[in-house]
Amino acid sequence: MLSPEQYQAALTELAGQDADLAAILDAFGAPEVHPRPPGFATLVLLILEQQVSLASAAATFDRLGTLVGDITPGQILAQSDDDLRSAGLSRQKARYVRALGDMVAEGELDLNGLDKLDDGEITARLTAVTGIGTWTADVYLLTALQRPDVWPAKDLALAVAAHEVKRLESRPDEAALIALGEQWRPFRTVAARILWHHYLNTTRKKGNKQP
């Protein structure tokens, strides 16, 4: 877990190494960290966030909470597909959250034990669930487990920000974004937060749709 002290030290180190990241921090200050609670509900929220705006996903998550109360495997599995869809879930995402609920309820995925594993093992276990890919696993590692060196290379906002901040000829694809992130090890999580900070303060305000 990345402690507040380590986070501040990483910000200082990255700013000293990279003038472009330093410029973002000078312009907008340090990005605030709002950790998400580890567990089932956060993974459900991340599934809802796939390929839609954060605001849209949050609204669906709130409606789901109104429908089921506590968002637990048992409560999700007790709902029919029609119930889940009435909360705004697509048919596909209803299937995904149900698949996650099944694996947790059956003991095939121990969410409480994930923090004892390394990043690769956590990713392997999460992506064994239907509907959870590397983006969802990466963002869970970064925001809930607060691992220090996570680089969500499938994230569109990260690619948009990298394109602008690094003045690249074109928006980097996944492979190019992975290569770009290597320079910021072992604090790629913090570099990602800085780039997202740029995106939220510039790109999105210019009217780009948030991924």
N, C-alpha and C. Protein backbone atom coordinates (compact mmCIF):
# COMPACT_ATOMS: atom_id res chain seq x y z
N MET A 1 0.85 -1.20 0.00
CA MET A 1 0.00 0.00 0.00
C MET A 1 0.88 1.24 0.00
N LEU A 2 0.49 2.22 -0.80
CA LEU A 2 1.23 3.47 -0.90
C LEU A 2 0.77 4.40 0.23
N SER A 3 1.65 4.64 1.20
CA SER A 3 1.29 5.49 2.33
C SER A 3 1.29 6.96 1.90
N PRO A 4 0.64 7.83 2.67
CA PRO A 4 0.67 9.27 2.34
C PRO A 4 2.09 9.81 2.24
N GLU A 5 2.97 9.34 3.11
CA GLU A 5 4.36 9.80 3.08
C GLU A 5 5.06 9.34 1.81
N GLN A 6 4.83 8.09 1.42
CA GLN A 6 5.42 7.58 0.19
C GLN A 6 4.85 8.31 -1.03
N TYR A 7 3.57 8.64 -0.97
CA TYR A 7 2.95 9.36 -2.08
C TYR A 7 3.61 10.72 -2.27
N GLN A 8 3.79 11.45 -1.19
CA GLN A 8 4.44 12.76 -1.29
C GLN A 8 5.87 12.63 -1.78
N ALA A 9 6.59 11.62 -1.30
CA ALA A 9 7.96 11.41 -1.75
C ALA A 9 8.00 11.07 -3.23
N ALA A 10 7.03 10.29 -3.69
CA ALA A 10 6.97 9.92 -5.11
C ALA A 10 6.66 11.13 -5.97
N LEU A 11 5.76 11.99 -5.52
CA LEU A 11 5.47 13.22 -6.26
C LEU A 11 6.73 14.06 -6.43
N THR A 12 7.49 14.19 -5.36
CA THR A 12 8.73 14.97 -5.41
C THR A 12 9.73 14.35 -6.36
N GLU A 13 9.88 13.02 -6.28
CA GLU A 13 10.84 12.33 -7.14
C GLU A 13 10.45 12.44 -8.61
N LEU A 14 9.18 12.22 -8.92
CA LEU A 14 8.74 12.29 -10.31
C LEU A 14 8.87 13.71 -10.87
N ALA A 15 8.54 14.70 -10.05
CA ALA A 15 8.66 16.09 -10.50
C ALA A 15 10.11 16.45 -10.78
N GLY A 16 11.02 15.88 -9.99
CA GLY A 16 12.43 16.14 -10.22
C GLY A 16 12.97 15.46 -11.46
N GLN A 17 12.35 14.35 -11.85
CA GLN A 17 12.80 13.58 -13.00
C GLN A 17 12.17 14.04 -14.31
N ASP A 18 10.96 14.59 -14.24
CA ASP A 18 10.18 14.83 -15.45
C ASP A 18 9.57 16.23 -15.41
N ALA A 19 10.07 17.10 -16.28
CA ALA A 19 9.61 18.49 -16.28
C ALA A 19 8.13 18.61 -16.66
N ASP A 20 7.64 17.69 -17.49
CA ASP A 20 6.23 17.74 -17.90
C ASP A 20 5.31 17.43 -16.72
N LEU A 21 5.68 16.43 -15.92
CA LEU A 21 4.88 16.13 -14.73
C LEU A 21 4.99 17.25 -13.72
N ALA A 22 6.19 17.82 -13.59
CA ALA A 22 6.38 18.94 -12.67
C ALA A 22 5.49 20.12 -13.06
N ALA A 23 5.33 20.35 -14.36
CA ALA A 23 4.50 21.47 -14.83
C ALA A 23 3.03 21.27 -14.45
N ILE A 24 2.56 20.03 -14.50
CA ILE A 24 1.18 19.73 -14.09
C ILE A 24 1.00 20.05 -12.61
N LEU A 25 1.97 19.62 -11.79
CA LEU A 25 1.88 19.87 -10.36
C LEU A 25 1.96 21.36 -10.06
N ASP A 26 2.80 22.08 -10.80
CA ASP A 26 2.89 23.53 -10.60
C ASP A 26 1.58 24.22 -10.96
N ALA A 27 0.94 23.74 -12.02
CA ALA A 27 -0.29 24.39 -12.50
C ALA A 27 -1.50 24.07 -11.64
N PHE A 28 -1.60 22.83 -11.18
CA PHE A 28 -2.85 22.39 -10.54
C PHE A 28 -2.68 21.86 -9.12
N GLY A 29 -1.45 21.83 -8.63
CA GLY A 29 -1.20 21.25 -7.32
C GLY A 29 -1.16 19.74 -7.39
N ALA A 30 -0.96 19.13 -6.25
CA ALA A 30 -0.89 17.67 -6.20
C ALA A 30 -2.29 17.07 -6.29
N PRO A 31 -2.46 16.01 -7.07
CA PRO A 31 -3.78 15.36 -7.11
C PRO A 31 -4.14 14.75 -5.76
N GLU A 32 -5.34 15.00 -5.33
CA GLU A 32 -5.80 14.40 -4.08
C GLU A 32 -6.09 12.92 -4.30
N VAL A 33 -5.84 12.15 -3.27
CA VAL A 33 -6.09 10.71 -3.33
C VAL A 33 -7.33 10.40 -2.50
N HIS A 34 -8.30 9.78 -3.14
CA HIS A 34 -9.52 9.36 -2.44
C HIS A 34 -9.64 7.85 -2.61
N PRO A 35 -9.02 7.09 -1.71
CA PRO A 35 -9.03 5.63 -1.88
C PRO A 35 -10.45 5.07 -1.84
N ARG A 36 -10.66 4.06 -2.64
CA ARG A 36 -11.92 3.34 -2.61
C ARG A 36 -11.78 2.16 -1.66
N PRO A 37 -12.84 1.81 -0.95
CA PRO A 37 -12.74 0.68 -0.03
C PRO A 37 -12.56 -0.63 -0.78
N PRO A 38 -11.59 -1.45 -0.41
CA PRO A 38 -11.44 -2.74 -1.08
C PRO A 38 -12.68 -3.60 -0.86
N GLY A 39 -13.02 -4.40 -1.85
CA GLY A 39 -14.13 -5.32 -1.66
C GLY A 39 -15.07 -5.40 -2.84
N PHE A 40 -16.13 -6.14 -2.64
CA PHE A 40 -17.08 -6.47 -3.69
C PHE A 40 -17.74 -5.24 -4.30
N ALA A 41 -18.21 -4.32 -3.46
CA ALA A 41 -18.95 -3.16 -3.97
C ALA A 41 -18.09 -2.31 -4.90
N THR A 42 -16.82 -2.15 -4.56
CA THR A 42 -15.94 -1.35 -5.42
C THR A 42 -15.72 -2.04 -6.76
N LEU A 43 -15.60 -3.35 -6.76
CA LEU A 43 -15.47 -4.06 -8.04
C LEU A 43 -16.74 -3.93 -8.87
N VAL A 44 -17.89 -3.96 -8.23
CA VAL A 44 -19.14 -3.74 -8.96
C VAL A 44 -19.13 -2.35 -9.60
N LEU A 45 -18.71 -1.34 -8.83
CA LEU A 45 -18.65 0.01 -9.37
C LEU A 45 -17.70 0.09 -10.56
N LEU A 46 -16.56 -0.58 -10.47
CA LEU A 46 -15.60 -0.56 -11.59
C LEU A 46 -16.18 -1.23 -12.83
N ILE A 47 -16.93 -2.30 -12.64
CA ILE A 47 -17.60 -2.92 -13.79
C ILE A 47 -18.57 -1.92 -14.43
N LEU A 48 -19.30 -1.20 -13.59
CA LEU A 48 -20.24 -0.21 -14.12
C LEU A 48 -19.51 0.92 -14.84
N GLU A 49 -18.28 1.21 -14.44
CA GLU A 49 -17.52 2.31 -15.04
C GLU A 49 -16.92 1.95 -16.39
N GLN A 50 -16.96 0.69 -16.76
CA GLN A 50 -16.37 0.28 -18.03
C GLN A 50 -17.06 0.98 -19.20
N GLN A 51 -16.29 1.75 -19.95
CA GLN A 51 -16.72 2.35 -21.22
C GLN A 51 -17.88 3.34 -21.09
N VAL A 52 -18.07 3.89 -19.90
CA VAL A 52 -19.05 4.98 -19.73
C VAL A 52 -18.42 6.05 -18.86
N SER A 53 -19.07 7.19 -18.74
CA SER A 53 -18.55 8.26 -17.90
C SER A 53 -18.65 7.87 -16.42
N LEU A 54 -17.79 8.48 -15.62
CA LEU A 54 -17.84 8.22 -14.18
C LEU A 54 -19.19 8.65 -13.60
N ALA A 55 -19.73 9.74 -14.10
CA ALA A 55 -21.02 10.23 -13.59
C ALA A 55 -22.14 9.25 -13.90
N SER A 56 -22.14 8.70 -15.09
CA SER A 56 -23.17 7.73 -15.47
C SER A 56 -23.06 6.47 -14.62
N ALA A 57 -21.82 6.00 -14.42
CA ALA A 57 -21.62 4.80 -13.59
C ALA A 57 -22.04 5.05 -12.15
N ALA A 58 -21.72 6.23 -11.63
CA ALA A 58 -22.09 6.55 -10.25
C ALA A 58 -23.60 6.59 -10.08
N ALA A 59 -24.30 7.11 -11.07
CA ALA A 59 -25.76 7.16 -10.99
C ALA A 59 -26.36 5.76 -10.99
N THR A 60 -25.81 4.88 -11.83
CA THR A 60 -26.28 3.49 -11.87
C THR A 60 -25.98 2.79 -10.56
N PHE A 61 -24.79 3.04 -10.01
CA PHE A 61 -24.40 2.43 -8.74
C PHE A 61 -25.34 2.88 -7.62
N ASP A 62 -25.71 4.15 -7.63
CA ASP A 62 -26.64 4.65 -6.61
C ASP A 62 -28.01 3.99 -6.75
N ARG A 63 -28.48 3.84 -7.99
CA ARG A 63 -29.78 3.17 -8.19
C ARG A 63 -29.70 1.71 -7.76
N LEU A 64 -28.56 1.08 -8.02
CA LEU A 64 -28.39 -0.31 -7.59
C LEU A 64 -28.43 -0.41 -6.07
N GLY A 65 -27.77 0.54 -5.40
CA GLY A 65 -27.80 0.55 -3.94
C GLY A 65 -29.20 0.75 -3.40
N THR A 66 -29.98 1.60 -4.06
CA THR A 66 -31.37 1.80 -3.66
C THR A 66 -32.18 0.52 -3.82
N LEU A 67 -31.89 -0.23 -4.88
CA LEU A 67 -32.60 -1.47 -5.14
C LEU A 67 -32.26 -2.56 -4.14
N VAL A 68 -30.97 -2.76 -3.86
CA VAL A 68 -30.55 -3.94 -3.09
C VAL A 68 -30.14 -3.63 -1.66
N GLY A 69 -29.95 -2.35 -1.32
CA GLY A 69 -29.39 -2.04 -0.01
C GLY A 69 -27.88 -2.18 -0.07
N ASP A 70 -27.31 -2.92 0.84
CA ASP A 70 -25.87 -3.17 0.79
C ASP A 70 -25.54 -3.97 -0.46
N ILE A 71 -24.51 -3.54 -1.17
CA ILE A 71 -24.13 -4.22 -2.41
C ILE A 71 -23.18 -5.36 -2.04
N THR A 72 -23.77 -6.53 -1.84
CA THR A 72 -23.04 -7.74 -1.46
C THR A 72 -23.35 -8.83 -2.47
N PRO A 73 -22.53 -9.88 -2.50
CA PRO A 73 -22.84 -10.99 -3.42
C PRO A 73 -24.24 -11.53 -3.23
N GLY A 74 -24.64 -11.74 -1.98
CA GLY A 74 -25.96 -12.30 -1.72
C GLY A 74 -27.08 -11.42 -2.23
N GLN A 75 -26.95 -10.12 -2.03
CA GLN A 75 -27.98 -9.20 -2.47
C GLN A 75 -28.05 -9.12 -3.99
N ILE A 76 -26.90 -9.16 -4.64
CA ILE A 76 -26.89 -9.13 -6.11
C ILE A 76 -27.51 -10.41 -6.66
N LEU A 77 -27.13 -11.55 -6.11
CA LEU A 77 -27.62 -12.83 -6.63
C LEU A 77 -29.10 -13.03 -6.36
N ALA A 78 -29.65 -12.30 -5.40
CA ALA A 78 -31.07 -12.42 -5.09
C ALA A 78 -31.95 -11.67 -6.10
N GLN A 79 -31.33 -10.86 -6.95
CA GLN A 79 -32.10 -10.06 -7.91
C GLN A 79 -32.23 -10.80 -9.25
N SER A 80 -33.35 -10.60 -9.89
CA SER A 80 -33.51 -11.11 -11.25
C SER A 80 -32.78 -10.19 -12.22
N ASP A 81 -32.58 -10.67 -13.43
CA ASP A 81 -31.98 -9.82 -14.46
C ASP A 81 -32.82 -8.57 -14.69
N ASP A 82 -34.14 -8.73 -14.68
CA ASP A 82 -35.01 -7.57 -14.87
C ASP A 82 -34.84 -6.56 -13.74
N ASP A 83 -34.66 -7.06 -12.51
CA ASP A 83 -34.43 -6.16 -11.38
C ASP A 83 -33.15 -5.35 -11.60
N LEU A 84 -32.08 -6.04 -11.98
CA LEU A 84 -30.80 -5.37 -12.19
C LEU A 84 -30.89 -4.37 -13.34
N ARG A 85 -31.61 -4.75 -14.37
CA ARG A 85 -31.75 -3.84 -15.51
C ARG A 85 -32.60 -2.63 -15.15
N SER A 86 -33.52 -2.80 -14.21
CA SER A 86 -34.33 -1.66 -13.78
C SER A 86 -33.49 -0.60 -13.08
N ALA A 87 -32.33 -1.01 -12.55
CA ALA A 87 -31.42 -0.07 -11.91
C ALA A 87 -30.50 0.60 -12.93
N GLY A 88 -30.60 0.19 -14.18
CA GLY A 88 -29.80 0.83 -15.22
C GLY A 88 -28.66 0.00 -15.75
N LEU A 89 -28.49 -1.23 -15.25
CA LEU A 89 -27.43 -2.09 -15.75
C LEU A 89 -27.81 -2.62 -17.13
N SER A 90 -26.86 -2.65 -18.02
CA SER A 90 -27.09 -3.32 -19.30
C SER A 90 -27.18 -4.82 -19.05
N ARG A 91 -27.70 -5.53 -20.04
CA ARG A 91 -27.78 -6.99 -19.90
C ARG A 91 -26.39 -7.59 -19.66
N GLN A 92 -25.40 -7.05 -20.37
CA GLN A 92 -24.03 -7.56 -20.24
C GLN A 92 -23.47 -7.28 -18.85
N LYS A 93 -23.66 -6.08 -18.35
CA LYS A 93 -23.10 -5.75 -17.03
C LYS A 93 -23.86 -6.45 -15.91
N ALA A 94 -25.14 -6.72 -16.10
CA ALA A 94 -25.87 -7.54 -15.13
C ALA A 94 -25.25 -8.93 -15.05
N ARG A 95 -24.88 -9.46 -16.21
CA ARG A 95 -24.23 -10.78 -16.24
C ARG A 95 -22.87 -10.72 -15.55
N TYR A 96 -22.15 -9.63 -15.74
CA TYR A 96 -20.82 -9.50 -15.15
C TYR A 96 -20.89 -9.41 -13.62
N VAL A 97 -21.79 -8.58 -13.09
CA VAL A 97 -21.85 -8.45 -11.63
C VAL A 97 -22.37 -9.73 -11.00
N ARG A 98 -23.23 -10.44 -11.72
CA ARG A 98 -23.71 -11.73 -11.22
C ARG A 98 -22.58 -12.76 -11.22
N ALA A 99 -21.74 -12.74 -12.26
CA ALA A 99 -20.60 -13.67 -12.31
C ALA A 99 -19.64 -13.40 -11.16
N LEU A 100 -19.40 -12.11 -10.87
CA LEU A 100 -18.55 -11.76 -9.74
C LEU A 100 -19.17 -12.24 -8.43
N GLY A 101 -20.47 -12.00 -8.27
CA GLY A 101 -21.15 -12.46 -7.06
C GLY A 101 -21.07 -13.95 -6.88
N ASP A 102 -21.23 -14.71 -7.97
CA ASP A 102 -21.14 -16.17 -7.91
C ASP A 102 -19.77 -16.61 -7.41
N MET A 103 -18.70 -16.04 -7.99
CA MET A 103 -17.35 -16.48 -7.63
C MET A 103 -17.01 -16.14 -6.19
N VAL A 104 -17.46 -14.98 -5.72
CA VAL A 104 -17.19 -14.61 -4.33
C VAL A 104 -18.03 -15.47 -3.39
N ALA A 105 -19.30 -15.66 -3.71
CA ALA A 105 -20.19 -16.44 -2.85
C ALA A 105 -19.75 -17.90 -2.75
N GLU A 106 -19.22 -18.44 -3.84
CA GLU A 106 -18.78 -19.84 -3.86
C GLU A 106 -17.38 -20.02 -3.29
N GLY A 107 -16.73 -18.94 -2.92
CA GLY A 107 -15.38 -19.03 -2.36
C GLY A 107 -14.29 -19.20 -3.40
N GLU A 108 -14.64 -19.02 -4.68
CA GLU A 108 -13.62 -19.14 -5.73
C GLU A 108 -12.74 -17.90 -5.81
N LEU A 109 -13.22 -16.79 -5.28
CA LEU A 109 -12.44 -15.55 -5.26
C LEU A 109 -12.52 -14.97 -3.86
N ASP A 110 -11.39 -14.95 -3.17
CA ASP A 110 -11.32 -14.42 -1.81
C ASP A 110 -10.83 -12.97 -1.87
N LEU A 111 -11.76 -12.05 -1.86
CA LEU A 111 -11.38 -10.64 -1.98
C LEU A 111 -10.60 -10.16 -0.76
N ASN A 112 -10.89 -10.72 0.41
CA ASN A 112 -10.19 -10.29 1.62
C ASN A 112 -8.73 -10.71 1.62
N GLY A 113 -8.41 -11.75 0.85
CA GLY A 113 -7.03 -12.24 0.84
C GLY A 113 -6.17 -11.65 -0.25
N LEU A 114 -6.74 -10.80 -1.10
CA LEU A 114 -5.98 -10.28 -2.23
C LEU A 114 -4.78 -9.45 -1.81
N ASP A 115 -4.92 -8.71 -0.70
CA ASP A 115 -3.83 -7.80 -0.34
C ASP A 115 -2.56 -8.53 0.08
N LYS A 116 -2.65 -9.85 0.26
CA LYS A 116 -1.47 -10.64 0.61
C LYS A 116 -0.69 -11.08 -0.63
N LEU A 117 -1.25 -10.84 -1.81
CA LEU A 117 -0.67 -11.32 -3.06
C LEU A 117 0.05 -10.19 -3.79
N ASP A 118 0.92 -10.58 -4.73
CA ASP A 118 1.56 -9.54 -5.54
C ASP A 118 0.62 -9.10 -6.66
N ASP A 119 1.00 -8.03 -7.34
CA ASP A 119 0.11 -7.43 -8.33
C ASP A 119 -0.29 -8.41 -9.43
N GLY A 120 0.68 -9.19 -9.90
CA GLY A 120 0.40 -10.13 -10.98
C GLY A 120 -0.58 -11.21 -10.57
N GLU A 121 -0.43 -11.71 -9.35
CA GLU A 121 -1.35 -12.74 -8.86
C GLU A 121 -2.76 -12.18 -8.68
N ILE A 122 -2.85 -10.95 -8.18
CA ILE A 122 -4.16 -10.33 -8.02
C ILE A 122 -4.83 -10.15 -9.38
N THR A 123 -4.07 -9.67 -10.34
CA THR A 123 -4.63 -9.48 -11.69
C THR A 123 -5.12 -10.80 -12.26
N ALA A 124 -4.35 -11.87 -12.08
CA ALA A 124 -4.75 -13.17 -12.60
C ALA A 124 -6.05 -13.64 -11.97
N ARG A 125 -6.21 -13.44 -10.68
CA ARG A 125 -7.43 -13.89 -10.00
C ARG A 125 -8.64 -13.05 -10.40
N LEU A 126 -8.44 -11.76 -10.50
CA LEU A 126 -9.57 -10.91 -10.87
C LEU A 126 -10.01 -11.13 -12.30
N THR A 127 -9.05 -11.27 -13.20
CA THR A 127 -9.41 -11.42 -14.62
C THR A 127 -9.94 -12.81 -14.94
N ALA A 128 -9.94 -13.71 -13.96
CA ALA A 128 -10.60 -15.00 -14.15
C ALA A 128 -12.12 -14.86 -14.06
N VAL A 129 -12.59 -13.71 -13.61
CA VAL A 129 -14.02 -13.45 -13.50
C VAL A 129 -14.53 -12.91 -14.84
N THR A 130 -15.61 -13.47 -15.33
CA THR A 130 -16.22 -12.96 -16.56
C THR A 130 -16.56 -11.48 -16.39
N GLY A 131 -16.07 -10.66 -17.32
CA GLY A 131 -16.38 -9.24 -17.29
C GLY A 131 -15.33 -8.38 -16.62
N ILE A 132 -14.31 -9.01 -16.03
CA ILE A 132 -13.22 -8.24 -15.44
C ILE A 132 -11.98 -8.45 -16.29
N GLY A 133 -11.53 -7.37 -16.91
CA GLY A 133 -10.31 -7.41 -17.72
C GLY A 133 -9.19 -6.69 -17.01
N THR A 134 -8.11 -6.45 -17.74
CA THR A 134 -6.94 -5.85 -17.11
C THR A 134 -7.20 -4.40 -16.67
N TRP A 135 -8.05 -3.66 -17.40
CA TRP A 135 -8.34 -2.29 -16.97
C TRP A 135 -8.99 -2.29 -15.59
N THR A 136 -10.00 -3.11 -15.41
CA THR A 136 -10.70 -3.17 -14.12
C THR A 136 -9.76 -3.62 -13.02
N ALA A 137 -8.94 -4.64 -13.30
CA ALA A 137 -7.98 -5.12 -12.30
C ALA A 137 -6.97 -4.03 -11.95
N ASP A 138 -6.45 -3.34 -12.97
CA ASP A 138 -5.47 -2.28 -12.72
C ASP A 138 -6.05 -1.17 -11.86
N VAL A 139 -7.26 -0.73 -12.18
CA VAL A 139 -7.84 0.39 -11.44
C VAL A 139 -8.18 -0.05 -10.01
N TYR A 140 -8.55 -1.31 -9.82
CA TYR A 140 -8.78 -1.82 -8.47
C TYR A 140 -7.46 -1.82 -7.68
N LEU A 141 -6.40 -2.29 -8.30
CA LEU A 141 -5.08 -2.28 -7.65
C LEU A 141 -4.68 -0.86 -7.27
N LEU A 142 -4.95 0.08 -8.15
CA LEU A 142 -4.51 1.45 -7.96
C LEU A 142 -5.36 2.19 -6.93
N THR A 143 -6.68 2.07 -7.04
CA THR A 143 -7.56 2.91 -6.22
C THR A 143 -8.01 2.25 -4.92
N ALA A 144 -8.12 0.94 -4.89
CA ALA A 144 -8.61 0.25 -3.69
C ALA A 144 -7.46 -0.33 -2.88
N LEU A 145 -6.56 -1.05 -3.54
CA LEU A 145 -5.43 -1.64 -2.83
C LEU A 145 -4.25 -0.69 -2.74
N GLN A 146 -4.29 0.40 -3.48
CA GLN A 146 -3.28 1.46 -3.42
C GLN A 146 -1.86 0.95 -3.63
N ARG A 147 -1.72 0.09 -4.64
CA ARG A 147 -0.38 -0.39 -4.98
C ARG A 147 0.39 0.74 -5.67
N PRO A 148 1.71 0.83 -5.45
CA PRO A 148 2.46 2.00 -5.90
C PRO A 148 2.86 2.02 -7.37
N ASP A 149 2.86 0.86 -8.03
CA ASP A 149 3.44 0.81 -9.38
C ASP A 149 2.48 0.16 -10.37
N VAL A 150 1.29 0.72 -10.47
CA VAL A 150 0.27 0.20 -11.38
C VAL A 150 0.12 1.19 -12.54
N TRP A 151 0.00 0.66 -13.74
CA TRP A 151 -0.08 1.50 -14.93
C TRP A 151 -1.22 0.99 -15.81
N PRO A 152 -2.41 1.59 -15.72
CA PRO A 152 -3.58 1.11 -16.47
C PRO A 152 -3.51 1.50 -17.94
N ALA A 153 -2.76 0.72 -18.70
CA ALA A 153 -2.45 1.08 -20.08
C ALA A 153 -3.64 1.01 -21.03
N LYS A 154 -4.76 0.46 -20.57
CA LYS A 154 -5.97 0.43 -21.39
C LYS A 154 -6.88 1.63 -21.11
N ASP A 155 -6.45 2.54 -20.25
CA ASP A 155 -7.30 3.65 -19.85
C ASP A 155 -7.25 4.77 -20.88
N LEU A 156 -8.40 5.15 -21.40
CA LEU A 156 -8.45 6.16 -22.45
C LEU A 156 -8.02 7.53 -21.96
N ALA A 157 -8.47 7.93 -20.78
CA ALA A 157 -8.09 9.25 -20.25
C ALA A 157 -6.58 9.34 -20.06
N LEU A 158 -5.96 8.26 -19.64
CA LEU A 158 -4.51 8.24 -19.47
C LEU A 158 -3.81 8.43 -20.81
N ALA A 159 -4.32 7.76 -21.84
CA ALA A 159 -3.73 7.89 -23.17
C ALA A 159 -3.90 9.31 -23.72
N VAL A 160 -5.09 9.89 -23.51
CA VAL A 160 -5.34 11.26 -23.97
C VAL A 160 -4.39 12.23 -23.27
N ALA A 161 -4.24 12.08 -21.96
CA ALA A 161 -3.36 12.97 -21.20
C ALA A 161 -1.91 12.80 -21.63
N ALA A 162 -1.47 11.56 -21.81
CA ALA A 162 -0.09 11.31 -22.23
C ALA A 162 0.19 11.94 -23.59
N HIS A 163 -0.78 11.83 -24.48
CA HIS A 163 -0.65 12.43 -25.81
C HIS A 163 -0.40 13.93 -25.71
N GLU A 164 -1.17 14.59 -24.86
CA GLU A 164 -1.05 16.04 -24.73
C GLU A 164 0.21 16.44 -23.95
N VAL A 165 0.41 15.81 -22.81
CA VAL A 165 1.50 16.21 -21.92
C VAL A 165 2.86 15.95 -22.56
N LYS A 166 2.98 14.82 -23.24
CA LYS A 166 4.25 14.45 -23.86
C LYS A 166 4.36 14.90 -25.32
N ARG A 167 3.31 15.63 -25.78
CA ARG A 167 3.33 16.19 -27.13
C ARG A 167 3.67 15.12 -28.18
N LEU A 168 2.97 14.01 -28.10
CA LEU A 168 3.18 12.91 -29.02
C LEU A 168 2.47 13.19 -30.34
N GLU A 169 2.94 12.58 -31.41
CA GLU A 169 2.33 12.80 -32.72
C GLU A 169 0.91 12.27 -32.79
N SER A 170 0.64 11.19 -32.06
CA SER A 170 -0.69 10.61 -32.06
C SER A 170 -0.97 10.04 -30.68
N ARG A 171 -2.23 9.78 -30.43
CA ARG A 171 -2.59 9.18 -29.14
C ARG A 171 -1.96 7.80 -29.04
N PRO A 172 -1.25 7.50 -27.95
CA PRO A 172 -0.56 6.21 -27.85
C PRO A 172 -1.54 5.06 -27.71
N ASP A 173 -1.24 3.96 -28.41
CA ASP A 173 -2.01 2.74 -28.19
C ASP A 173 -1.51 2.06 -26.92
N GLU A 174 -2.07 0.92 -26.60
CA GLU A 174 -1.72 0.26 -25.34
C GLU A 174 -0.23 -0.04 -25.26
N ALA A 175 0.35 -0.58 -26.33
CA ALA A 175 1.77 -0.93 -26.32
C ALA A 175 2.64 0.31 -26.12
N ALA A 176 2.30 1.39 -26.82
CA ALA A 176 3.08 2.62 -26.69
C ALA A 176 2.94 3.22 -25.29
N LEU A 177 1.75 3.10 -24.71
CA LEU A 177 1.54 3.64 -23.37
C LEU A 177 2.31 2.83 -22.34
N ILE A 178 2.35 1.52 -22.52
CA ILE A 178 3.16 0.68 -21.63
C ILE A 178 4.62 1.10 -21.69
N ALA A 179 5.13 1.28 -22.90
CA ALA A 179 6.52 1.68 -23.07
C ALA A 179 6.79 3.04 -22.44
N LEU A 180 5.86 3.97 -22.61
CA LEU A 180 6.02 5.31 -22.04
C LEU A 180 6.09 5.25 -20.52
N GLY A 181 5.28 4.39 -19.92
CA GLY A 181 5.22 4.32 -18.46
C GLY A 181 6.45 3.75 -17.80
N GLU A 182 7.29 3.06 -18.55
CA GLU A 182 8.47 2.43 -17.95
C GLU A 182 9.37 3.43 -17.25
N GLN A 183 9.43 4.65 -17.77
CA GLN A 183 10.34 5.65 -17.20
C GLN A 183 9.93 6.06 -15.79
N TRP A 184 8.69 5.77 -15.40
CA TRP A 184 8.20 6.23 -14.11
C TRP A 184 8.16 5.13 -13.05
N ARG A 185 8.67 3.95 -13.38
CA ARG A 185 8.81 2.93 -12.33
C ARG A 185 9.74 3.46 -11.24
N PRO A 186 9.52 3.11 -9.97
CA PRO A 186 8.50 2.21 -9.41
C PRO A 186 7.27 2.95 -8.90
N PHE A 187 6.99 4.13 -9.49
CA PHE A 187 5.86 4.93 -9.01
C PHE A 187 4.90 5.25 -10.16
N ARG A 188 4.60 4.25 -10.98
CA ARG A 188 3.70 4.51 -12.10
C ARG A 188 2.29 4.87 -11.64
N THR A 189 1.87 4.36 -10.49
CA THR A 189 0.58 4.77 -9.93
C THR A 189 0.51 6.28 -9.77
N VAL A 190 1.56 6.85 -9.24
CA VAL A 190 1.59 8.29 -8.97
C VAL A 190 1.66 9.06 -10.29
N ALA A 191 2.45 8.57 -11.24
CA ALA A 191 2.49 9.20 -12.56
C ALA A 191 1.11 9.18 -13.22
N ALA A 192 0.40 8.06 -13.08
CA ALA A 192 -0.95 7.97 -13.64
C ALA A 192 -1.87 8.99 -12.98
N ARG A 193 -1.76 9.15 -11.68
CA ARG A 193 -2.61 10.13 -10.99
C ARG A 193 -2.31 11.55 -11.48
N ILE A 194 -1.04 11.85 -11.72
CA ILE A 194 -0.68 13.18 -12.21
C ILE A 194 -1.27 13.42 -13.60
N LEU A 195 -1.16 12.42 -14.47
CA LEU A 195 -1.70 12.56 -15.82
C LEU A 195 -3.23 12.67 -15.79
N TRP A 196 -3.88 11.89 -14.95
CA TRP A 196 -5.33 12.02 -14.80
C TRP A 196 -5.69 13.43 -14.29
N HIS A 197 -4.85 13.96 -13.41
CA HIS A 197 -5.05 15.31 -12.86
C HIS A 197 -5.04 16.33 -14.00
N HIS A 198 -4.10 16.17 -14.91
CA HIS A 198 -4.05 17.03 -16.10
C HIS A 198 -5.34 16.88 -16.90
N TYR A 199 -5.75 15.64 -17.13
CA TYR A 199 -6.95 15.38 -17.93
C TYR A 199 -8.17 16.06 -17.31
N LEU A 200 -8.34 15.89 -16.02
CA LEU A 200 -9.52 16.44 -15.35
C LEU A 200 -9.53 17.96 -15.35
N ASN A 201 -8.35 18.56 -15.33
CA ASN A 201 -8.27 20.01 -15.25
C ASN A 201 -8.16 20.72 -16.60
N THR A 202 -7.91 19.96 -17.65
CA THR A 202 -7.75 20.60 -18.97
C THR A 202 -8.61 19.93 -20.03
N THR A 203 -8.28 18.73 -20.38
CA THR A 203 -8.91 18.06 -21.51
C THR A 203 -10.41 17.95 -21.34
N ARG A 204 -10.86 17.44 -20.19
CA ARG A 204 -12.30 17.25 -19.99
C ARG A 204 -13.03 18.59 -20.00
N LYS A 205 -12.39 19.62 -19.47
CA LYS A 205 -13.03 20.93 -19.42
C LYS A 205 -13.19 21.55 -20.81
N LYS A 206 -12.38 21.05 -21.76
CA LYS A 206 -12.50 21.54 -23.13
C LYS A 206 -13.61 20.83 -23.90
N GLY A 207 -14.28 19.88 -23.21
CA GLY A 207 -15.44 19.26 -23.84
C GLY A 207 -15.23 17.83 -24.28
N ASN A 208 -14.03 17.27 -24.05
CA ASN A 208 -13.83 15.87 -24.40
C ASN A 208 -14.65 14.99 -23.48
N LYS A 209 -15.24 13.96 -24.03
CA LYS A 209 -16.02 13.03 -23.21
C LYS A 209 -15.08 12.23 -22.32
N GLN A 210 -15.41 12.16 -21.05
CA GLN A 210 -14.59 11.37 -20.14
C GLN A 210 -14.85 9.90 -20.36
N PRO A 211 -13.80 9.08 -20.45
CA PRO A 211 -14.03 7.65 -20.66
C PRO A 211 -14.54 6.98 -19.40
